[in-house]
Protein backbone atom coordinates (compact mmCIF):
# COMPACT_ATOMS: atom_id res chain seq x y z
CA MET A 1 -15.77 8.59 19.21
CA ALA A 2 -12.72 6.44 18.50
CA ILE A 3 -12.18 5.03 15.01
CA ILE A 4 -10.43 1.69 14.38
CA THR A 5 -9.59 0.61 11.05
CA LEU A 6 -8.90 -3.07 9.72
CA THR A 7 -6.67 -4.02 6.91
CA THR A 8 -6.20 -7.78 6.69
CA ASP A 9 -5.79 -10.78 4.37
CA PHE A 10 -8.82 -12.57 6.12
CA GLY A 11 -10.98 -12.39 3.14
CA GLU A 12 -15.00 -12.37 3.46
CA LYS A 13 -15.55 -16.12 3.71
CA ASP A 14 -14.14 -17.01 7.24
CA HIS A 15 -15.05 -15.90 10.59
CA PHE A 16 -11.76 -14.08 11.19
CA ALA A 17 -12.84 -10.56 10.43
CA GLY A 18 -16.11 -10.63 12.34
CA ALA A 19 -14.47 -12.28 15.34
CA VAL A 20 -12.29 -9.14 15.61
CA LYS A 21 -14.92 -6.76 15.18
CA GLY A 22 -16.87 -8.53 17.87
CA ALA A 23 -13.73 -8.53 20.24
CA ILE A 24 -13.35 -4.64 19.72
CA TYR A 25 -17.21 -3.99 20.39
CA SER A 26 -16.91 -6.29 23.50
CA GLU A 27 -14.23 -3.98 25.03
CA LEU A 28 -15.57 -0.59 23.64
CA GLU A 29 -19.32 -0.44 22.65
CA ASP A 30 -18.70 3.40 21.64
CA VAL A 31 -16.25 2.89 18.61
CA LYS A 32 -16.43 3.03 14.91
CA ILE A 33 -14.99 0.15 12.96
CA VAL A 34 -13.94 0.57 9.28
CA ASP A 35 -13.07 -2.07 6.98
CA ILE A 36 -10.12 -0.62 4.48
CA SER A 37 -9.57 -4.26 3.06
CA HIS A 38 -10.04 -7.82 3.75
CA GLY A 39 -8.99 -8.76 0.38
CA VAL A 40 -5.12 -8.44 0.51
CA SER A 41 -3.56 -11.36 -1.08
CA PRO A 42 -2.44 -13.85 1.69
CA PHE A 43 0.72 -12.57 3.49
CA HIS A 44 1.34 -9.99 0.60
CA ILE A 45 3.08 -7.45 2.78
CA MET A 46 3.70 -4.97 -0.12
CA GLU A 47 0.32 -5.08 -1.16
CA ALA A 48 -0.89 -4.12 2.29
CA ALA A 49 1.63 -1.49 2.79
CA TYR A 50 0.40 0.21 -0.55
CA ILE A 51 -3.17 0.14 0.57
CA ILE A 52 -2.89 1.32 4.03
CA GLN A 53 -0.50 4.15 2.86
CA ASN A 54 -3.12 5.34 0.56
CA ALA A 55 -6.12 5.18 2.74
CA TYR A 56 -4.80 6.10 6.25
CA SER A 57 -4.60 9.84 5.54
CA SER A 58 -8.48 10.10 4.78
CA PHE A 59 -9.22 9.38 8.37
CA PRO A 60 -9.05 12.06 11.05
CA ALA A 61 -5.76 12.38 13.16
CA GLY A 62 -5.81 9.85 16.19
CA THR A 63 -7.28 6.99 14.17
CA ILE A 64 -6.06 3.45 15.20
CA HIS A 65 -5.21 1.26 12.20
CA ILE A 66 -5.02 -2.64 12.71
CA ILE A 67 -3.12 -4.42 9.97
CA GLY A 68 -3.57 -8.02 10.12
CA ILE A 69 -1.06 -9.35 7.64
CA ASP A 70 1.64 -12.07 8.45
CA SER A 71 1.10 -11.34 12.13
CA GLU A 72 2.11 -14.50 13.79
CA LEU A 73 4.51 -13.91 16.59
CA ASN A 74 8.07 -15.33 16.48
CA PRO A 75 11.53 -14.30 17.16
CA GLU A 76 11.88 -12.79 13.63
CA ASN A 77 8.40 -11.22 13.55
CA LYS A 78 7.71 -8.96 16.64
CA HIS A 79 4.60 -6.86 17.04
CA ILE A 80 4.74 -3.15 17.25
CA ALA A 81 2.50 -0.20 17.69
CA VAL A 82 3.65 3.21 15.93
CA LEU A 83 2.59 6.68 16.13
CA LEU A 84 3.14 8.20 12.67
CA ASP A 85 1.56 11.37 11.23
CA GLY A 86 -0.89 11.48 14.07
CA HIS A 87 -2.32 8.20 13.39
CA TYR A 88 -1.73 4.85 15.20
CA PHE A 89 -0.63 1.58 13.45
CA ILE A 90 -0.74 -1.82 15.08
CA CYS A 91 0.97 -4.44 13.15
CA ALA A 92 3.83 -6.94 12.91
CA ASN A 93 7.35 -5.53 12.53
CA ASN A 94 7.73 -7.19 9.01
CA GLY A 95 8.42 -4.19 6.76
CA ILE A 96 4.74 -3.13 6.40
CA ILE A 97 5.09 0.27 8.02
CA SER A 98 8.40 1.19 6.06
CA MET A 99 6.47 2.57 3.16
CA LEU A 100 4.89 5.08 5.26
CA ALA A 101 8.03 5.72 7.29
CA ASN A 102 9.97 6.25 3.87
CA GLU A 103 8.00 9.47 3.54
CA ILE A 104 7.38 10.59 7.20
CA ASN A 105 9.36 9.74 10.37
CA PRO A 106 7.35 7.92 13.18
CA GLN A 107 6.84 9.96 16.33
CA LYS A 108 7.07 6.77 18.45
CA ILE A 109 7.66 3.04 18.00
CA VAL A 110 7.11 0.53 20.77
CA GLU A 111 7.64 -3.26 20.48
CA ILE A 112 4.66 -4.64 22.09
CA ASN A 113 5.21 -6.89 25.34
CA ILE A 114 2.05 -7.86 26.65
CA HIS A 115 2.24 -11.43 25.23
CA ASP A 116 2.82 -13.13 28.55
CA ARG A 117 -0.51 -12.17 29.73
CA ILE A 118 -2.17 -13.35 26.60
CA ILE A 119 -2.20 -17.00 25.36
CA THR A 120 -3.19 -16.85 21.70
CA ASN A 121 -2.54 -18.21 18.01
CA PHE A 122 -4.79 -15.59 16.54
CA PRO A 123 -2.69 -12.26 17.60
CA VAL A 124 -4.92 -10.08 15.57
CA LEU A 125 -7.82 -10.97 17.78
CA ASP A 126 -6.18 -11.23 21.11
CA VAL A 127 -3.16 -8.82 21.09
CA PHE A 128 -3.79 -6.10 18.50
CA VAL A 129 -7.52 -5.73 19.68
CA LYS A 130 -6.28 -5.24 23.27
CA VAL A 131 -3.61 -2.62 22.02
CA ALA A 132 -5.99 -0.87 19.96
CA CYS A 133 -8.53 -0.58 22.77
CA HIS A 134 -6.02 0.62 25.21
CA ILE A 135 -5.11 3.42 22.73
CA ALA A 136 -8.64 4.32 22.15
CA ARG A 137 -9.26 4.62 25.72
CA GLY A 138 -6.50 7.38 25.77
CA GLY A 139 -3.85 4.89 27.05
CA THR A 140 -0.22 5.50 26.12
CA LEU A 141 2.14 3.18 24.21
CA GLU A 142 4.75 2.91 26.65
CA VAL A 143 2.10 0.89 28.91
CA ILE A 144 1.87 -1.88 26.29
CA GLY A 145 5.56 -1.77 24.77
CA LYS A 146 9.15 -0.83 25.08
CA GLN A 147 10.38 1.92 22.90
CA ILE A 148 12.50 0.91 19.91
CA ASP A 149 14.18 3.31 17.55
CA ALA A 150 13.98 1.41 14.03
CA ILE A 151 11.40 -0.84 12.23
CA LYS A 152 12.30 -3.38 9.42
CA GLU A 153 12.34 -2.01 6.06
CA LEU A 154 10.65 -3.74 3.14
CA ARG A 155 12.62 -4.72 0.08
CA GLY A 156 11.60 -2.98 -3.31
CA ILE A 157 10.16 0.32 -1.88
CA ARG A 158 12.55 2.58 -3.60
CA PRO A 159 13.47 2.34 -7.24
CA THR A 160 17.03 2.59 -8.26
CA ILE A 161 19.04 5.23 -10.10
CA ASN A 162 21.93 4.45 -12.36
CA GLN A 163 25.31 6.36 -11.73
CA GLU A 164 24.75 8.63 -14.70
CA ALA A 165 21.29 9.52 -13.58
CA ASN A 166 19.59 8.65 -17.00
CA GLN A 167 17.72 5.65 -15.84
CA ILE A 168 15.29 4.71 -13.26
CA MET A 169 14.65 1.10 -12.48
CA GLY A 170 11.46 0.25 -10.74
CA SER A 171 9.27 -2.53 -10.07
CA VAL A 172 5.74 -3.59 -9.77
CA ILE A 173 4.39 -3.30 -6.18
CA TYR A 174 0.63 -3.41 -6.66
CA ILE A 175 -1.97 -4.87 -9.22
CA ASP A 176 -5.44 -3.59 -8.62
CA ASN A 177 -8.81 -4.91 -9.28
CA TYR A 178 -8.91 -3.67 -12.62
CA GLY A 179 -5.57 -5.20 -13.49
CA ASN A 180 -3.80 -1.81 -13.48
CA VAL A 181 -0.03 -2.26 -12.69
CA ILE A 182 1.39 0.18 -10.08
CA THR A 183 4.97 0.75 -9.85
CA ASN A 184 7.25 2.12 -7.00
CA ILE A 185 8.30 5.19 -9.29
CA THR A 186 6.68 8.26 -7.66
CA LYS A 187 6.19 11.44 -9.58
CA SER A 188 8.48 13.43 -7.16
CA LYS A 189 11.34 11.02 -7.73
CA PHE A 190 10.58 10.94 -11.64
CA GLU A 191 10.79 14.89 -11.94
CA GLU A 192 13.88 15.00 -9.79
CA ILE A 193 15.80 12.90 -12.26
CA ALA A 194 13.78 13.78 -15.52
CA LYS A 195 14.73 17.39 -15.46
CA GLY A 196 12.48 18.01 -18.48
CA ARG A 197 14.22 15.31 -20.80
CA SER A 198 12.36 13.09 -23.06
CA PHE A 199 12.00 9.46 -21.97
CA LYS A 200 10.91 5.92 -22.83
CA ILE A 201 9.15 3.60 -20.23
CA THR A 202 9.65 -0.11 -20.94
CA ALA A 203 7.75 -2.81 -19.17
CA ARG A 204 8.36 -6.07 -20.85
CA THR A 205 7.02 -5.70 -24.53
CA ALA A 206 5.07 -2.47 -23.66
CA ASN A 207 6.65 0.93 -24.19
CA PHE A 208 5.51 4.63 -23.43
CA ALA A 209 6.78 7.89 -24.13
CA THR A 210 4.20 10.15 -22.26
CA ILE A 211 2.69 10.11 -18.77
CA HIS A 212 -0.87 11.29 -18.52
CA SER A 213 -2.82 12.62 -15.47
CA HIS A 214 -6.06 10.73 -16.22
CA TYR A 215 -7.37 7.56 -17.65
CA SER A 216 -9.29 9.10 -20.29
CA ASP A 217 -6.32 11.09 -21.71
CA ALA A 218 -6.07 7.79 -23.86
CA ILE A 219 -8.90 8.78 -25.75
CA ASN A 220 -9.16 11.63 -28.34
CA PHE A 221 -12.52 13.20 -27.68
CA GLU A 222 -12.24 15.18 -30.89
CA THR A 223 -13.10 12.10 -32.75
CA PRO A 224 -16.65 11.15 -33.07
CA ALA A 225 -18.04 8.80 -30.18
CA ASN A 226 -19.14 6.27 -32.97
CA LYS A 227 -15.71 6.17 -34.38
CA ARG A 228 -13.56 5.85 -31.41
CA ASP A 229 -11.71 2.74 -30.51
CA GLU A 230 -11.81 3.14 -26.77
CA ASP A 231 -11.22 -0.10 -25.08
CA GLY A 232 -7.82 -1.39 -25.11
CA LYS A 233 -5.89 1.98 -25.25
CA LYS A 234 -2.83 1.64 -23.21
CA ILE A 235 -1.67 4.42 -21.00
CA ALA A 236 0.95 5.38 -18.46
CA LEU A 237 -0.16 7.92 -15.97
CA TRP A 238 0.29 9.27 -12.31
CA ASN A 239 -2.30 7.80 -10.39
CA SER A 240 -4.08 9.38 -7.34
CA SER A 241 -1.46 8.54 -5.22
CA ASN A 242 1.28 9.88 -7.52
CA TYR A 243 2.69 6.61 -8.31
CA LEU A 244 3.60 5.52 -12.00
CA GLU A 245 0.63 3.16 -13.25
CA LEU A 246 0.43 1.28 -16.38
CA SER A 247 -3.11 0.66 -17.60
CA ILE A 248 -5.64 -0.32 -20.19
CA TYR A 249 -8.34 2.28 -20.71
CA LYS A 250 -11.70 0.72 -19.29
CA SER A 251 -9.98 -2.62 -18.79
CA ASN A 252 -11.82 -5.65 -17.70
CA PRO A 253 -9.75 -8.47 -16.70
CA ALA A 254 -12.28 -11.02 -17.32
CA THR A 255 -12.98 -9.91 -20.99
CA VAL A 256 -11.02 -7.47 -22.84
CA GLY A 257 -8.01 -8.26 -20.51
CA SER A 258 -5.90 -5.77 -18.60
CA ALA A 259 -2.55 -4.36 -18.15
CA LYS A 260 -1.34 -7.20 -16.03
CA SER A 261 -2.35 -9.82 -18.68
CA LEU A 262 -1.82 -7.81 -21.75
CA PHE A 263 1.61 -6.63 -20.80
CA GLY A 264 2.47 -9.76 -18.97
CA LEU A 265 3.44 -8.22 -15.81
CA GLN A 266 3.46 -9.51 -12.19
CA TYR A 267 4.50 -8.53 -8.69
CA ARG A 268 8.05 -7.48 -8.78
CA ASP A 269 8.56 -7.36 -12.41
CA THR A 270 11.02 -4.59 -13.72
CA VAL A 271 9.61 -1.26 -15.14
CA THR A 272 12.34 0.91 -16.59
CA ILE A 273 12.54 4.71 -17.51
CA ASN A 274 15.41 5.66 -19.70
CA PHE A 275 16.17 9.34 -20.29
CA ASP A 276 17.60 10.84 -23.49
CA ALA A 277 21.08 11.86 -22.58
CA SER A 278 21.15 14.26 -25.42
CA SER A 279 18.15 16.33 -24.45
């Protein structure tokens, strides 16, 4: 049974996500549709890229991923289908796949060219569904598009390293439901530059000198439970995707606040790691 996933900024109020699912079932009754997320911030390409990057590999090879973000067709926003890491991705060529392609080279990229057969102002419904169902039936990419060699790259995917290799300058690429702030600094890049040196992370007024592996590392469990001040503990850690994340232990954006609100951080804000040159 084919699996088709959906990642969009449609939200839950409107009919869009339901209509897309109905169109898929109208073409393929024997298919499994999985919602990865419909809560991506409107037109937020980086947010969608982070979500799909960290979700797709949990699915079996051959899964087809429809990404409905900023998908209106125009001369600067063509549609593509990409075979990468054994998975198929259908989306606009707006940089959304470049985060995945930054780690793994695509096996094949085609620019979709079936638009002359379809009149639409809702390409996710009318074009992306047709392409996904074609692939699910065993169809090849060459039938629905012309092969191209490169895709657009999204700005801000990679952090910058200074010439002396004692500073990593990254940026905020995602803020999750808990208000945790995820940066574009990966554990592998950090270890490549750190070489065991001590360091200081700076994000506006917040500073960190240690990077942990678990949220609960913020708590000293040797202290009796009734004497712990657990809420509000700030922490830097490598999250489950091995990106540097700045968090507040057990944060609640609606009550005690979160890393986003308490550190005053927003998307694209700078997060810097300075390494001790003497160590």
